[in-house]
């Protein structure tokens, strides 16, 4: 539960400043969110949300590799949101 609270707190701290956040920082945050979801058992307890987060992360990496940073940023934000949804579902906080 502490992990979920810490991740959500860190996301909310950066949520207001997505416009000032670089693409690399968004990708790192998305990767960290997915890692936290994986470590908390989300692939077993919230597979739809977890794998949707992974899919958005892959899209974000692909788009940024094509230098389409706006689409990459949007997909990274979606990956973070879905990882948080997975953790919320995992801990019964839908």
C-alpha atoms as a PDB file:
ATOM      1  CA  UNK A   1       0.000   0.000   0.000  1.00  0.00           C
ATOM      2  CA  UNK A   2       2.893   2.352   0.715  1.00  0.00           C
ATOM      3  CA  UNK A   3       4.276   1.723  -2.759  1.00  0.00           C
ATOM      4  CA  UNK A   4       0.958   2.643  -4.354  1.00  0.00           C
ATOM      5  CA  UNK A   5       0.707   5.784  -2.258  1.00  0.00           C
ATOM      6  CA  UNK A   6       4.278   6.794  -3.096  1.00  0.00           C
ATOM      7  CA  UNK A   7       3.773   6.257  -6.822  1.00  0.00           C
ATOM      8  CA  UNK A   8       0.493   8.170  -6.881  1.00  0.00           C
ATOM      9  CA  UNK A   9       2.038  10.995  -4.870  1.00  0.00           C
ATOM     10  CA  UNK A  10       4.981  11.275  -7.265  1.00  0.00           C
ATOM     11  CA  UNK A  11       2.643  11.256 -10.262  1.00  0.00           C
ATOM     12  CA  UNK A  12       0.506  14.034  -8.797  1.00  0.00           C
ATOM     13  CA  UNK A  13       3.589  16.123  -8.109  1.00  0.00           C
ATOM     14  CA  UNK A  14       4.520  15.992 -11.767  1.00  0.00           C
ATOM     15  CA  UNK A  15       0.983  15.908 -13.175  1.00  0.00           C
ATOM     16  CA  UNK A  16       0.596  19.663 -13.251  1.00  0.00           C
ATOM     17  CA  UNK A  17       3.862  20.187 -15.041  1.00  0.00           C
ATOM     18  CA  UNK A  18       3.525  17.799 -17.989  1.00  0.00           C
ATOM     19  CA  UNK A  19       3.888  20.767 -20.325  1.00  0.00           C
ATOM     20  CA  UNK A  20       7.316  21.490 -18.833  1.00  0.00           C
ATOM     21  CA  UNK A  21       8.380  17.846 -18.684  1.00  0.00           C
ATOM     22  CA  UNK A  22      10.666  16.479 -21.358  1.00  0.00           C
ATOM     23  CA  UNK A  23       9.800  13.449 -23.417  1.00  0.00           C
ATOM     24  CA  UNK A  24      12.625  11.495 -21.819  1.00  0.00           C
ATOM     25  CA  UNK A  25      11.305  12.255 -18.333  1.00  0.00           C
ATOM     26  CA  UNK A  26       7.808  11.147 -19.329  1.00  0.00           C
ATOM     27  CA  UNK A  27       9.151   7.899 -20.775  1.00  0.00           C
ATOM     28  CA  UNK A  28      11.170   7.288 -17.595  1.00  0.00           C
ATOM     29  CA  UNK A  29       8.135   7.952 -15.417  1.00  0.00           C
ATOM     30  CA  UNK A  30       5.991   5.645 -17.540  1.00  0.00           C
ATOM     31  CA  UNK A  31       8.615   2.909 -17.289  1.00  0.00           C
ATOM     32  CA  UNK A  32       8.832   3.360 -13.509  1.00  0.00           C
ATOM     33  CA  UNK A  33       5.046   3.236 -13.174  1.00  0.00           C
ATOM     34  CA  UNK A  34       4.853   0.031 -15.170  1.00  0.00           C
ATOM     35  CA  UNK A  35       7.690  -1.467 -13.133  1.00  0.00           C
ATOM     36  CA  UNK A  36       5.877  -0.611  -9.892  1.00  0.00           C
ATOM     37  CA  UNK A  37       2.676  -2.152 -11.261  1.00  0.00           C
ATOM     38  CA  UNK A  38       4.554  -5.298 -12.248  1.00  0.00           C
ATOM     39  CA  UNK A  39       6.207  -5.619  -8.858  1.00  0.00           C
ATOM     40  CA  UNK A  40       2.860  -5.256  -7.097  1.00  0.00           C
ATOM     41  CA  UNK A  41       1.369  -8.177  -9.038  1.00  0.00           C
ATOM     42  CA  UNK A  42      -0.789  -6.292 -11.496  1.00  0.00           C
ATOM     43  CA  UNK A  43      -0.210  -8.716 -14.395  1.00  0.00           C
ATOM     44  CA  UNK A  44      -2.099 -11.314 -12.333  1.00  0.00           C
ATOM     45  CA  UNK A  45      -4.750  -9.183 -10.623  1.00  0.00           C
ATOM     46  CA  UNK A  46      -5.356  -6.439 -13.210  1.00  0.00           C
ATOM     47  CA  UNK A  47      -4.073  -7.832 -16.507  1.00  0.00           C
ATOM     48  CA  UNK A  48      -6.169  -5.642 -18.827  1.00  0.00           C
ATOM     49  CA  UNK A  49      -4.998  -2.399 -17.264  1.00  0.00           C
ATOM     50  CA  UNK A  50      -1.405  -3.548 -16.888  1.00  0.00           C
ATOM     51  CA  UNK A  51      -0.979  -4.712 -20.471  1.00  0.00           C
ATOM     52  CA  UNK A  52      -2.740  -1.617 -21.774  1.00  0.00           C
ATOM     53  CA  UNK A  53      -0.126   0.452 -19.908  1.00  0.00           C
ATOM     54  CA  UNK A  54       2.644  -1.622 -21.483  1.00  0.00           C
ATOM     55  CA  UNK A  55       1.120  -1.156 -24.927  1.00  0.00           C
ATOM     56  CA  UNK A  56       0.918   2.615 -24.539  1.00  0.00           C
ATOM     57  CA  UNK A  57       4.533   2.626 -23.368  1.00  0.00           C
ATOM     58  CA  UNK A  58       5.622   0.742 -26.495  1.00  0.00           C
ATOM     59  CA  UNK A  59       3.665   3.216 -28.629  1.00  0.00           C
ATOM     60  CA  UNK A  60       5.339   6.116 -26.818  1.00  0.00           C
ATOM     61  CA  UNK A  61       8.809   4.697 -27.480  1.00  0.00           C
ATOM     62  CA  UNK A  62       8.011   4.052 -31.133  1.00  0.00           C
ATOM     63  CA  UNK A  63       6.588   7.519 -31.710  1.00  0.00           C
ATOM     64  CA  UNK A  64       9.522   9.250 -30.030  1.00  0.00           C
ATOM     65  CA  UNK A  65      11.947   7.170 -32.078  1.00  0.00           C
ATOM     66  CA  UNK A  66      10.227   8.639 -35.151  1.00  0.00           C
ATOM     67  CA  UNK A  67      10.682  12.124 -33.610  1.00  0.00           C
ATOM     68  CA  UNK A  68       6.948  12.503 -33.151  1.00  0.00           C
ATOM     69  CA  UNK A  69       7.289  13.850 -29.621  1.00  0.00           C
ATOM     70  CA  UNK A  70       3.712  15.069 -29.159  1.00  0.00           C
ATOM     71  CA  UNK A  71       2.296  11.618 -29.844  1.00  0.00           C
ATOM     72  CA  UNK A  72       5.050  10.057 -27.744  1.00  0.00           C
ATOM     73  CA  UNK A  73       4.277  12.345 -24.822  1.00  0.00           C
ATOM     74  CA  UNK A  74       0.560  11.614 -25.061  1.00  0.00           C
ATOM     75  CA  UNK A  75       1.157   7.861 -25.155  1.00  0.00           C
ATOM     76  CA  UNK A  76       3.562   8.054 -22.192  1.00  0.00           C
ATOM     77  CA  UNK A  77       0.957   9.928 -20.153  1.00  0.00           C
ATOM     78  CA  UNK A  78      -1.621   7.274 -21.080  1.00  0.00           C
ATOM     79  CA  UNK A  79       0.831   4.555 -20.009  1.00  0.00           C
ATOM     80  CA  UNK A  80       1.211   6.223 -16.611  1.00  0.00           C
ATOM     81  CA  UNK A  81      -2.558   6.548 -16.228  1.00  0.00           C
ATOM     82  CA  UNK A  82      -3.176   2.884 -17.073  1.00  0.00           C
ATOM     83  CA  UNK A  83      -0.411   1.722 -14.738  1.00  0.00           C
ATOM     84  CA  UNK A  84      -2.080   3.696 -11.943  1.00  0.00           C
ATOM     85  CA  UNK A  85      -5.454   2.187 -12.845  1.00  0.00           C
ATOM     86  CA  UNK A  86      -3.893  -1.275 -12.679  1.00  0.00           C
ATOM     87  CA  UNK A  87      -2.465  -0.609  -9.233  1.00  0.00           C
ATOM     88  CA  UNK A  88      -5.756   0.861  -8.024  1.00  0.00           C
ATOM     89  CA  UNK A  89      -7.611  -2.211  -9.252  1.00  0.00           C
ATOM     90  CA  UNK A  90      -4.977  -4.486  -7.723  1.00  0.00           C
ATOM     91  CA  UNK A  91      -5.508  -2.933  -4.302  1.00  0.00           C
ATOM     92  CA  UNK A  92      -9.286  -2.709  -4.652  1.00  0.00           C
ATOM     93  CA  UNK A  93      -9.471   1.060  -4.996  1.00  0.00           C
ATOM     94  CA  UNK A  94     -11.428   1.233  -8.233  1.00  0.00           C
END
